[in-house]
N, C-alpha and C. Protein backbone atom coordinates (compact mmCIF):
# COMPACT_ATOMS: atom_id res chain seq x y z
N UNK A 1 13.06 -16.94 49.30
CA UNK A 1 12.99 -18.01 50.69
C UNK A 1 12.55 -19.22 49.90
N UNK A 2 12.23 -18.90 48.69
CA UNK A 2 11.96 -20.35 47.85
C UNK A 2 12.90 -20.87 47.72
N UNK A 3 14.26 -19.88 47.40
CA UNK A 3 14.89 -21.19 46.86
C UNK A 3 15.54 -21.57 48.07
N UNK A 4 15.88 -21.55 49.19
CA UNK A 4 16.43 -22.52 50.75
C UNK A 4 15.10 -23.37 51.01
N UNK A 5 13.87 -23.06 50.43
CA UNK A 5 13.15 -24.17 50.90
C UNK A 5 13.21 -25.47 49.70
N UNK A 6 13.59 -25.04 48.31
CA UNK A 6 13.76 -26.07 47.62
C UNK A 6 15.42 -26.85 47.76
N UNK A 7 16.59 -25.75 48.22
CA UNK A 7 17.55 -26.52 48.56
C UNK A 7 17.19 -27.75 49.65
N UNK A 8 16.30 -27.03 50.56
CA UNK A 8 16.31 -28.02 51.64
C UNK A 8 15.60 -29.22 51.51
N UNK A 9 14.97 -29.21 50.60
CA UNK A 9 14.29 -30.35 49.44
C UNK A 9 14.91 -31.09 48.74
N UNK A 10 15.73 -30.75 48.06
CA UNK A 10 17.02 -31.61 47.22
C UNK A 10 18.04 -32.12 48.34
N UNK A 11 18.20 -31.48 49.31
CA UNK A 11 19.83 -32.07 50.23
C UNK A 11 18.76 -33.01 51.04
N UNK A 12 17.01 -33.04 51.01
CA UNK A 12 16.52 -34.43 51.98
C UNK A 12 16.73 -35.50 50.51
N UNK A 13 16.17 -35.17 49.68
CA UNK A 13 16.15 -36.12 48.53
C UNK A 13 17.57 -36.78 48.08
N UNK A 14 18.26 -35.59 48.03
CA UNK A 14 20.00 -36.50 47.90
C UNK A 14 20.56 -37.61 49.13
N UNK A 15 20.46 -36.80 50.34
CA UNK A 15 20.04 -37.36 51.48
C UNK A 15 20.18 -39.00 51.65
N UNK A 16 18.75 -39.26 51.21
CA UNK A 16 18.08 -40.18 51.42
C UNK A 16 18.31 -41.21 49.84
N UNK A 17 18.55 -40.16 48.73
CA UNK A 17 19.30 -41.41 47.96
C UNK A 17 21.16 -41.80 47.78
N UNK A 18 21.08 -41.33 48.61
CA UNK A 18 22.90 -41.70 49.31
C UNK A 18 22.70 -42.74 50.46
N UNK A 19 21.54 -42.88 51.37
CA UNK A 19 21.40 -43.40 51.73
C UNK A 19 21.01 -44.91 51.71
N UNK A 20 19.93 -44.89 50.77
CA UNK A 20 19.39 -46.17 50.05
C UNK A 20 20.91 -46.78 49.24
N UNK A 21 21.46 -45.89 48.47
CA UNK A 21 22.22 -46.50 47.65
C UNK A 21 23.78 -46.65 48.64
N UNK A 22 23.95 -46.30 49.20
CA UNK A 22 25.03 -46.83 50.49
C UNK A 22 24.47 -48.30 50.96
N UNK A 23 23.08 -48.07 51.07
CA UNK A 23 22.56 -49.36 52.05
C UNK A 23 22.69 -50.78 50.64
N UNK A 24 22.28 -50.09 49.75
CA UNK A 24 21.75 -51.23 48.31
C UNK A 24 23.72 -51.68 47.86
N UNK A 25 24.38 -50.76 47.87
CA UNK A 25 25.88 -51.22 47.56
C UNK A 25 26.82 -51.93 48.58
N UNK A 26 26.25 -51.93 49.85
CA UNK A 26 26.93 -52.48 51.01
C UNK A 26 26.40 -53.79 51.13
N UNK A 27 25.74 -54.62 50.32
CA UNK A 27 24.91 -55.34 50.15
C UNK A 27 25.65 -56.38 48.86
N UNK A 28 25.73 -55.15 47.81
CA UNK A 28 25.57 -56.13 46.54
C UNK A 28 27.39 -56.13 46.14
N UNK A 29 27.94 -57.30 45.34
CA UNK A 29 29.49 -57.13 44.87
C UNK A 29 29.03 -55.89 44.36
N UNK A 30 30.24 -55.55 43.55
CA UNK A 30 30.61 -54.02 43.07
C UNK A 30 30.02 -54.41 41.20
N UNK A 31 29.56 -53.64 40.21
CA UNK A 31 28.73 -54.04 39.22
C UNK A 31 29.87 -53.98 38.48
N UNK A 32 29.91 -54.23 37.40
CA UNK A 32 30.49 -54.58 36.46
C UNK A 32 31.37 -53.10 36.01
N UNK A 33 31.87 -53.13 34.98
CA UNK A 33 32.70 -51.98 34.46
C UNK A 33 31.69 -51.65 32.89
N UNK A 34 31.68 -52.20 32.38
CA UNK A 34 30.77 -52.39 31.06
C UNK A 34 29.47 -53.22 31.60
N UNK A 35 28.33 -53.51 30.30
CA UNK A 35 27.11 -54.45 30.42
C UNK A 35 27.40 -55.59 30.25
N UNK A 36 27.16 -56.05 30.65
CA UNK A 36 26.79 -57.97 30.61
C UNK A 36 26.23 -58.32 29.38
N UNK A 37 27.56 -59.65 29.05
CA UNK A 37 26.41 -59.70 27.37
C UNK A 37 25.03 -60.26 27.77
N UNK A 38 24.09 -60.04 26.92
CA UNK A 38 22.69 -60.58 26.90
C UNK A 38 21.99 -61.79 26.20
N UNK A 39 23.72 -62.48 25.59
CA UNK A 39 23.28 -63.86 25.30
C UNK A 39 25.09 -63.77 25.21
N UNK A 40 24.80 -65.62 25.02
CA UNK A 40 26.35 -65.46 24.49
C UNK A 40 25.82 -66.63 22.82
N UNK A 41 26.90 -66.64 22.07
CA UNK A 41 26.46 -67.65 21.45
C UNK A 41 27.27 -68.60 20.86
N UNK A 42 26.81 -70.28 20.84
CA UNK A 42 27.34 -71.43 21.09
C UNK A 42 26.63 -72.53 20.56
N UNK A 43 26.75 -73.18 21.19
CA UNK A 43 25.60 -75.08 21.01
C UNK A 43 24.44 -73.96 21.69
N UNK A 44 24.53 -73.57 22.91
CA UNK A 44 23.27 -73.00 23.58
C UNK A 44 22.47 -71.41 23.57
N UNK A 45 21.77 -71.34 23.35
CA UNK A 45 21.43 -69.86 23.65
C UNK A 45 20.69 -69.52 24.43
N UNK A 46 21.82 -68.99 25.82
CA UNK A 46 20.19 -68.50 26.53
C UNK A 46 20.42 -67.15 26.91
N UNK A 47 18.63 -66.58 27.61
CA UNK A 47 18.29 -65.15 27.49
C UNK A 47 19.46 -65.37 28.60
N UNK A 48 19.41 -63.81 29.40
CA UNK A 48 20.48 -63.15 30.56
C UNK A 48 19.85 -63.58 31.13
N UNK A 49 20.76 -63.57 33.07
CA UNK A 49 19.86 -64.11 34.10
C UNK A 49 19.60 -62.45 34.93
N UNK A 50 18.70 -62.58 35.56
CA UNK A 50 18.13 -61.91 36.31
C UNK A 50 19.25 -61.07 37.58
N UNK A 51 20.37 -61.57 37.60
CA UNK A 51 21.73 -60.91 37.66
C UNK A 51 22.45 -60.32 36.88
N UNK A 52 22.36 -60.46 36.03
CA UNK A 52 22.67 -60.07 34.33
C UNK A 52 21.73 -58.53 34.10
N UNK A 53 20.53 -59.06 34.17
CA UNK A 53 19.77 -57.83 33.84
C UNK A 53 19.84 -56.68 34.92
N UNK A 54 19.86 -57.33 35.71
CA UNK A 54 20.62 -56.33 37.51
C UNK A 54 21.60 -55.61 37.22
N UNK A 55 22.10 -55.88 37.09
CA UNK A 55 23.96 -55.32 36.74
C UNK A 55 23.56 -54.57 35.84
N UNK A 56 23.26 -54.84 34.71
CA UNK A 56 22.93 -54.19 33.30
C UNK A 56 22.16 -52.72 34.35
N UNK A 57 21.34 -52.90 34.49
CA UNK A 57 20.34 -51.57 35.08
C UNK A 57 21.42 -50.61 35.99
N UNK A 58 22.59 -51.49 36.88
CA UNK A 58 23.59 -50.95 37.67
C UNK A 58 23.95 -49.88 36.92
N UNK A 59 24.57 -50.97 35.72
CA UNK A 59 25.36 -49.74 34.59
C UNK A 59 24.58 -48.91 33.73
N UNK A 60 23.95 -48.95 33.71
CA UNK A 60 23.15 -47.53 33.06
C UNK A 60 22.97 -46.25 34.22
N UNK A 61 22.74 -46.96 35.55
CA UNK A 61 22.32 -45.51 36.71
C UNK A 61 24.18 -45.22 36.36
N UNK A 62 25.18 -45.12 35.90
CA UNK A 62 25.86 -44.50 35.57
C UNK A 62 27.57 -44.84 36.84
N UNK A 63 28.24 -43.65 36.38
CA UNK A 63 29.38 -43.63 37.79
C UNK A 63 30.44 -42.65 37.52
N UNK A 64 31.27 -42.01 38.11
CA UNK A 64 31.84 -40.44 37.34
C UNK A 64 31.90 -40.27 36.17
N UNK A 65 32.16 -41.29 35.74
CA UNK A 65 32.97 -40.99 34.23
C UNK A 65 32.24 -41.24 33.07
N UNK A 66 30.34 -41.57 33.73
CA UNK A 66 29.55 -41.55 32.57
C UNK A 66 28.16 -40.98 32.98
N UNK A 67 27.64 -40.34 32.65
CA UNK A 67 26.08 -39.82 33.03
C UNK A 67 24.98 -41.19 33.35
N UNK A 68 24.24 -41.21 33.87
CA UNK A 68 22.77 -42.01 33.76
C UNK A 68 22.26 -42.09 33.25
N UNK A 69 21.58 -42.92 32.14
CA UNK A 69 20.67 -43.24 31.28
C UNK A 69 19.42 -43.86 32.36
N UNK A 70 18.62 -42.57 32.93
CA UNK A 70 17.63 -43.17 33.60
C UNK A 70 16.30 -44.25 33.41
N UNK A 71 15.93 -43.79 32.19
CA UNK A 71 14.80 -44.70 31.08
C UNK A 71 15.64 -46.26 31.00
N UNK A 72 17.10 -46.62 30.66
CA UNK A 72 17.42 -47.99 30.14
C UNK A 72 17.27 -48.08 31.22
N UNK A 73 17.88 -47.77 32.25
CA UNK A 73 17.86 -48.33 33.80
C UNK A 73 16.35 -48.46 34.52
N UNK A 74 15.67 -47.99 34.05
CA UNK A 74 14.26 -48.37 34.87
C UNK A 74 13.51 -49.35 33.86
N UNK A 75 14.20 -49.42 32.83
CA UNK A 75 13.90 -50.67 32.05
C UNK A 75 14.29 -52.09 32.40
N UNK A 76 16.01 -51.85 32.57
CA UNK A 76 16.17 -53.36 33.33
C UNK A 76 15.74 -53.71 34.62
N UNK A 77 15.41 -52.62 35.63
CA UNK A 77 14.77 -53.00 36.85
C UNK A 77 13.34 -53.72 36.32
N UNK A 78 12.55 -53.05 36.00
CA UNK A 78 11.24 -53.58 35.29
C UNK A 78 11.56 -54.92 35.24
N UNK A 79 12.90 -55.31 34.19
CA UNK A 79 12.39 -56.48 33.98
C UNK A 79 12.50 -57.42 34.19
N UNK A 80 13.84 -57.66 35.80
CA UNK A 80 13.62 -57.99 36.68
C UNK A 80 12.00 -58.50 37.36
N UNK A 81 11.82 -57.28 37.40
CA UNK A 81 10.42 -57.52 38.02
C UNK A 81 9.53 -58.60 37.28
N UNK A 82 9.60 -58.34 35.83
CA UNK A 82 8.61 -59.21 35.58
C UNK A 82 8.99 -60.44 34.97
N UNK A 83 10.45 -60.29 34.87
CA UNK A 83 10.57 -62.25 33.94
C UNK A 83 11.21 -62.81 35.45
N UNK A 84 11.63 -62.14 36.19
CA UNK A 84 12.50 -62.91 36.96
C UNK A 84 11.34 -62.50 38.45
N UNK A 85 10.66 -62.25 39.28
CA UNK A 85 9.52 -62.20 39.79
C UNK A 85 10.10 -62.72 41.27
N UNK A 86 10.75 -64.04 41.00
CA UNK A 86 10.87 -64.75 42.66
C UNK A 86 12.29 -64.31 42.83
N UNK A 87 13.34 -63.42 41.73
CA UNK A 87 14.73 -63.35 41.95
C UNK A 87 15.13 -62.95 43.40
N UNK A 88 15.73 -63.08 44.11
CA UNK A 88 16.73 -61.89 45.53
C UNK A 88 16.67 -60.43 45.22
N UNK A 89 16.96 -59.92 43.25
CA UNK A 89 17.38 -59.30 43.37
C UNK A 89 15.74 -57.61 43.30
N UNK A 90 14.86 -58.84 43.09
CA UNK A 90 13.43 -58.25 42.91
C UNK A 90 13.96 -56.41 43.89
N UNK A 91 13.60 -56.71 45.28
CA UNK A 91 13.61 -55.51 46.60
C UNK A 91 14.44 -54.26 46.00
N UNK A 92 15.44 -55.23 45.11
CA UNK A 92 16.33 -53.78 45.01
C UNK A 92 16.08 -53.10 44.16
N UNK A 93 15.61 -53.94 42.47
CA UNK A 93 14.85 -53.29 41.41
C UNK A 93 14.20 -52.28 41.86
N UNK A 94 12.94 -52.77 42.71
CA UNK A 94 11.53 -51.88 43.23
C UNK A 94 12.46 -50.85 43.73
N UNK A 95 12.83 -50.42 44.20
CA UNK A 95 13.53 -49.64 45.39
C UNK A 95 14.49 -48.58 44.15
N UNK A 96 15.43 -49.36 43.34
CA UNK A 96 15.85 -48.74 41.41
C UNK A 96 14.94 -47.40 41.42
N UNK A 97 13.98 -48.57 41.37
CA UNK A 97 12.85 -47.48 39.92
C UNK A 97 11.70 -46.59 40.66
N UNK A 98 11.82 -47.11 42.62
CA UNK A 98 11.62 -46.07 42.96
C UNK A 98 12.37 -44.73 43.12
N UNK A 99 12.95 -44.65 43.28
CA UNK A 99 14.15 -43.76 43.52
C UNK A 99 14.49 -42.71 41.74
N UNK A 100 14.40 -43.96 40.55
CA UNK A 100 14.78 -42.98 39.64
C UNK A 100 13.52 -42.19 39.55
N UNK A 101 11.98 -43.07 39.70
CA UNK A 101 11.16 -42.44 39.82
C UNK A 101 10.49 -40.49 40.06
N UNK A 102 11.47 -41.26 41.58
CA UNK A 102 11.45 -39.83 42.69
C UNK A 102 12.72 -38.80 41.59
N UNK A 103 13.69 -39.19 41.58
CA UNK A 103 14.77 -38.17 40.66
C UNK A 103 14.18 -37.32 39.20
N UNK A 104 13.87 -37.91 38.56
CA UNK A 104 12.84 -37.66 37.88
C UNK A 104 12.42 -36.75 37.66
N UNK A 105 11.11 -36.99 39.22
CA UNK A 105 10.17 -36.15 39.73
C UNK A 105 10.73 -34.87 39.91
N UNK A 106 11.48 -34.71 40.68
CA UNK A 106 12.22 -33.61 41.47
C UNK A 106 13.66 -33.21 40.41
N UNK A 107 13.66 -33.86 39.28
CA UNK A 107 14.11 -32.86 37.84
C UNK A 107 13.15 -32.04 37.40
N UNK A 108 12.58 -32.66 36.81
CA UNK A 108 10.96 -32.39 36.72
C UNK A 108 10.54 -30.86 37.26
N UNK A 109 10.31 -31.18 38.68
CA UNK A 109 9.99 -30.23 39.50
C UNK A 109 10.97 -28.98 39.72
N UNK A 110 12.43 -29.78 39.39
CA UNK A 110 13.61 -28.50 39.49
C UNK A 110 13.50 -27.97 37.97
N UNK A 111 13.05 -27.94 36.74
CA UNK A 111 13.12 -27.56 35.75
C UNK A 111 12.16 -26.55 36.25
N UNK A 112 10.46 -27.00 36.80
CA UNK A 112 9.77 -25.96 36.34
C UNK A 112 9.76 -24.62 37.63
N UNK A 113 10.45 -25.08 38.22
CA UNK A 113 10.71 -23.89 39.32
C UNK A 113 12.08 -23.07 38.83
N UNK A 114 13.11 -23.49 37.51
CA UNK A 114 14.08 -22.54 37.46
C UNK A 114 12.55 -21.78 36.38
N UNK A 115 12.08 -22.26 35.86
CA UNK A 115 11.45 -21.53 35.13
C UNK A 115 10.17 -20.07 35.86
N UNK A 116 9.50 -20.81 36.40
CA UNK A 116 9.39 -19.71 37.44
C UNK A 116 10.53 -18.94 37.93
N UNK A 117 11.64 -18.66 38.50
CA UNK A 117 11.98 -18.13 38.88
C UNK A 117 12.73 -17.05 38.05
N UNK A 118 12.76 -17.89 36.78
CA UNK A 118 13.27 -16.93 35.51
C UNK A 118 12.11 -16.11 35.24
N UNK A 119 10.67 -16.24 35.50
CA UNK A 119 9.64 -15.73 34.85
C UNK A 119 9.50 -14.44 36.29
N UNK A 120 9.71 -14.58 37.57
CA UNK A 120 10.00 -14.04 38.19
C UNK A 120 10.69 -12.58 38.32
N UNK A 121 12.23 -13.19 38.19
CA UNK A 121 13.37 -12.26 37.84
C UNK A 121 12.95 -10.90 36.96
N UNK A 122 12.10 -11.65 35.33
CA UNK A 122 11.69 -10.66 34.47
C UNK A 122 10.50 -10.23 35.03
N UNK A 123 10.12 -10.24 35.69
CA UNK A 123 8.58 -9.75 36.12
C UNK A 123 9.51 -8.57 37.17
N UNK A 124 9.97 -9.06 38.01
CA UNK A 124 11.07 -7.98 39.00
C UNK A 124 11.63 -6.25 38.07
N UNK A 125 12.20 -7.09 36.93
CA UNK A 125 13.00 -5.91 36.38
C UNK A 125 11.76 -5.32 35.46
N UNK A 126 11.05 -5.74 35.27
CA UNK A 126 10.42 -5.32 34.08
C UNK A 126 9.48 -3.79 35.94
N UNK A 127 9.37 -4.82 36.80
CA UNK A 127 8.25 -3.38 37.57
C UNK A 127 9.55 -2.34 38.36
N UNK A 128 10.77 -2.70 38.79
CA UNK A 128 12.05 -1.91 39.02
C UNK A 128 11.91 -0.85 38.13
N UNK A 129 11.84 -1.04 36.80
CA UNK A 129 12.02 -0.43 35.27
C UNK A 129 10.54 0.84 35.85
N UNK A 130 9.79 -0.35 35.53
CA UNK A 130 8.21 0.66 36.06
C UNK A 130 8.26 1.53 37.04
N UNK A 131 8.75 1.15 38.43
CA UNK A 131 9.27 2.20 39.49
C UNK A 131 9.91 2.93 38.90
N UNK A 132 10.91 3.44 38.42
CA UNK A 132 11.78 4.30 38.34
C UNK A 132 11.29 5.44 37.38
N UNK A 133 9.99 4.45 35.94
CA UNK A 133 9.93 5.41 35.71
C UNK A 133 8.44 6.08 36.18
N UNK A 134 7.86 6.00 36.84
CA UNK A 134 6.76 6.18 37.77
C UNK A 134 7.92 7.45 38.89
N UNK A 135 8.84 7.04 39.61
CA UNK A 135 9.28 8.00 40.07
C UNK A 135 9.86 9.73 38.97
N UNK A 136 10.35 9.39 38.09
CA UNK A 136 10.68 10.80 37.14
C UNK A 136 9.90 11.77 37.08
N UNK A 137 8.34 10.87 36.79
CA UNK A 137 6.87 11.35 36.51
C UNK A 137 6.58 11.86 37.70
N UNK A 138 6.94 11.30 38.95
CA UNK A 138 6.61 11.94 40.07
C UNK A 138 7.54 13.17 40.14
N UNK A 139 8.91 13.05 40.20
CA UNK A 139 9.22 14.40 40.43
C UNK A 139 9.30 15.55 39.54
N UNK A 140 8.58 15.14 38.62
CA UNK A 140 7.84 16.09 37.40
C UNK A 140 7.28 16.52 38.25
N UNK A 141 6.13 15.77 38.30
CA UNK A 141 4.63 16.62 39.09
C UNK A 141 5.51 17.38 40.00
N UNK A 142 5.84 16.70 40.93
CA UNK A 142 6.61 18.11 42.39
C UNK A 142 7.07 18.83 41.41
N UNK A 143 7.86 19.44 40.55
CA UNK A 143 8.64 20.41 39.92
C UNK A 143 7.18 21.12 39.31
N UNK A 144 6.51 20.69 38.67
CA UNK A 144 5.21 21.60 38.07
C UNK A 144 4.59 22.11 38.95
N UNK A 145 4.35 21.10 40.91
CA UNK A 145 2.88 21.69 41.40
C UNK A 145 3.89 23.03 42.49
N UNK A 146 5.61 23.05 42.66
CA UNK A 146 5.93 24.01 43.01
C UNK A 146 6.00 24.97 42.26
N UNK A 147 6.41 25.01 40.59
CA UNK A 147 5.75 26.28 39.51
C UNK A 147 4.60 27.09 40.10
N UNK A 148 3.76 25.42 40.05
CA UNK A 148 1.69 26.58 39.95
C UNK A 148 1.76 27.27 41.91
N UNK A 149 2.52 26.31 42.67
CA UNK A 149 2.28 26.92 44.02
C UNK A 149 3.20 28.19 43.93
N UNK A 150 4.23 28.57 43.23
CA UNK A 150 5.11 29.89 42.58
C UNK A 150 3.65 30.27 42.63
N UNK A 151 3.45 30.52 41.16
CA UNK A 151 2.60 31.44 40.07
C UNK A 151 1.23 31.97 41.31
N UNK A 152 0.78 31.04 42.21
CA UNK A 152 -0.54 31.14 43.07
C UNK A 152 -0.45 32.45 43.68
N UNK A 153 1.25 31.82 44.41
CA UNK A 153 1.47 32.89 45.52
C UNK A 153 1.31 34.38 44.81
N UNK A 154 2.68 33.67 44.13
CA UNK A 154 2.10 35.57 42.69
C UNK A 154 0.74 36.29 42.43
N UNK A 155 0.65 35.44 42.14
CA UNK A 155 -1.66 36.05 41.69
C UNK A 155 -1.90 36.60 42.85
N UNK A 156 -1.60 35.83 44.25
CA UNK A 156 -2.57 36.95 45.39
C UNK A 156 -2.14 37.72 45.45
N UNK A 157 -0.21 37.74 45.32
CA UNK A 157 0.26 38.85 45.89
C UNK A 157 -0.34 40.09 44.41
N UNK A 158 -0.69 39.54 43.65
CA UNK A 158 -1.44 40.70 42.84
C UNK A 158 -2.45 41.37 42.65
N UNK A 159 -2.97 39.66 43.14
CA UNK A 159 -4.79 40.55 43.36
C UNK A 159 -4.64 41.47 45.20
N UNK A 160 -3.72 41.29 45.56
CA UNK A 160 -3.67 42.05 46.89
C UNK A 160 -3.48 43.33 46.33
N UNK A 161 -2.59 43.72 45.47
CA UNK A 161 -1.49 44.91 45.33
C UNK A 161 -2.32 46.07 44.45
N UNK A 162 -3.60 44.45 43.56
CA UNK A 162 -4.71 45.49 42.94
C UNK A 162 -6.27 46.32 43.48
N UNK A 163 -5.75 45.16 44.40
CA UNK A 163 -7.23 45.60 45.62
C UNK A 163 -6.83 46.85 45.52
N UNK A 164 -5.64 47.22 46.57
CA UNK A 164 -5.22 48.45 47.44
C UNK A 164 -4.93 49.81 45.98
N UNK A 165 -4.30 49.28 45.56
CA UNK A 165 -4.69 50.10 43.86
C UNK A 165 -6.42 50.39 44.23
N UNK A 166 -6.64 49.60 43.66
CA UNK A 166 -8.36 50.20 43.27
C UNK A 166 -8.83 50.88 45.05
N UNK A 167 -8.15 50.47 45.85
CA UNK A 167 -8.62 51.91 46.79
C UNK A 167 -8.49 53.02 46.86
N UNK A 168 -6.84 52.98 46.76
CA UNK A 168 -6.70 54.00 46.03
C UNK A 168 -7.06 55.07 45.27
N UNK A 169 -7.79 54.33 44.30
CA UNK A 169 -7.61 54.91 42.93
C UNK A 169 -9.22 55.34 43.39
N UNK A 170 -10.62 54.71 44.35
CA UNK A 170 -11.64 55.19 44.68
C UNK A 170 -11.24 56.57 45.63
N UNK A 171 -10.59 56.62 46.62
CA UNK A 171 -10.00 57.68 47.42
C UNK A 171 -9.40 58.37 46.53
N UNK A 172 -9.02 58.82 45.46
CA UNK A 172 -8.26 60.01 44.55
C UNK A 172 -9.94 60.48 44.11
N UNK A 173 -10.31 59.33 43.42
CA UNK A 173 -12.24 59.59 42.98
C UNK A 173 -13.26 60.53 43.91
N UNK A 174 -12.76 60.33 45.08
CA UNK A 174 -13.77 61.25 45.87
C UNK A 174 -12.73 62.89 46.67
N UNK A 175 -11.44 62.06 46.33
CA UNK A 175 -10.82 64.06 46.75
C UNK A 175 -11.00 64.67 45.40
N UNK A 176 -11.51 63.99 44.83
CA UNK A 176 -11.52 65.15 43.26
C UNK A 176 -12.75 65.26 43.07
N UNK A 177 -13.73 64.97 43.44
CA UNK A 177 -15.09 64.79 43.38
C UNK A 177 -15.50 66.45 44.31
């Protein structure tokens, strides 16, 4: 039951992430295939612009051929927020940071959920083993109980036989006297 809840929660997060990514990507030009240069060499040495830093963050989010580097992407988007507070990319940078934090939180929760599930599986296996052991012991006790009941019945019959023999013996003694 908790697996289904976890899957539903995952699907909700994934749907929200996809919706935000689609809306964000629809208003942005396509990101470059390689990260932009952070500085050019020449007569004037200037730092990267807000667009360059933003695209660098988008690049770190990865694509189908590369895995995402969330920490670097988060740092790049944070740089846009701190160095360029008036940038038009500020809103998207904040959104990406929130999404990255949500994804990281979800991954962490997912890892702990997997650990809990594994420990529950181990506990279940142990309980099944203990249950089988108790069933075996229960069968043995039932067999012993059946044997004891048979012995008890036999002893009752023997007592009855002894009583009848004693009565017969008394009758004989009376006749002999």
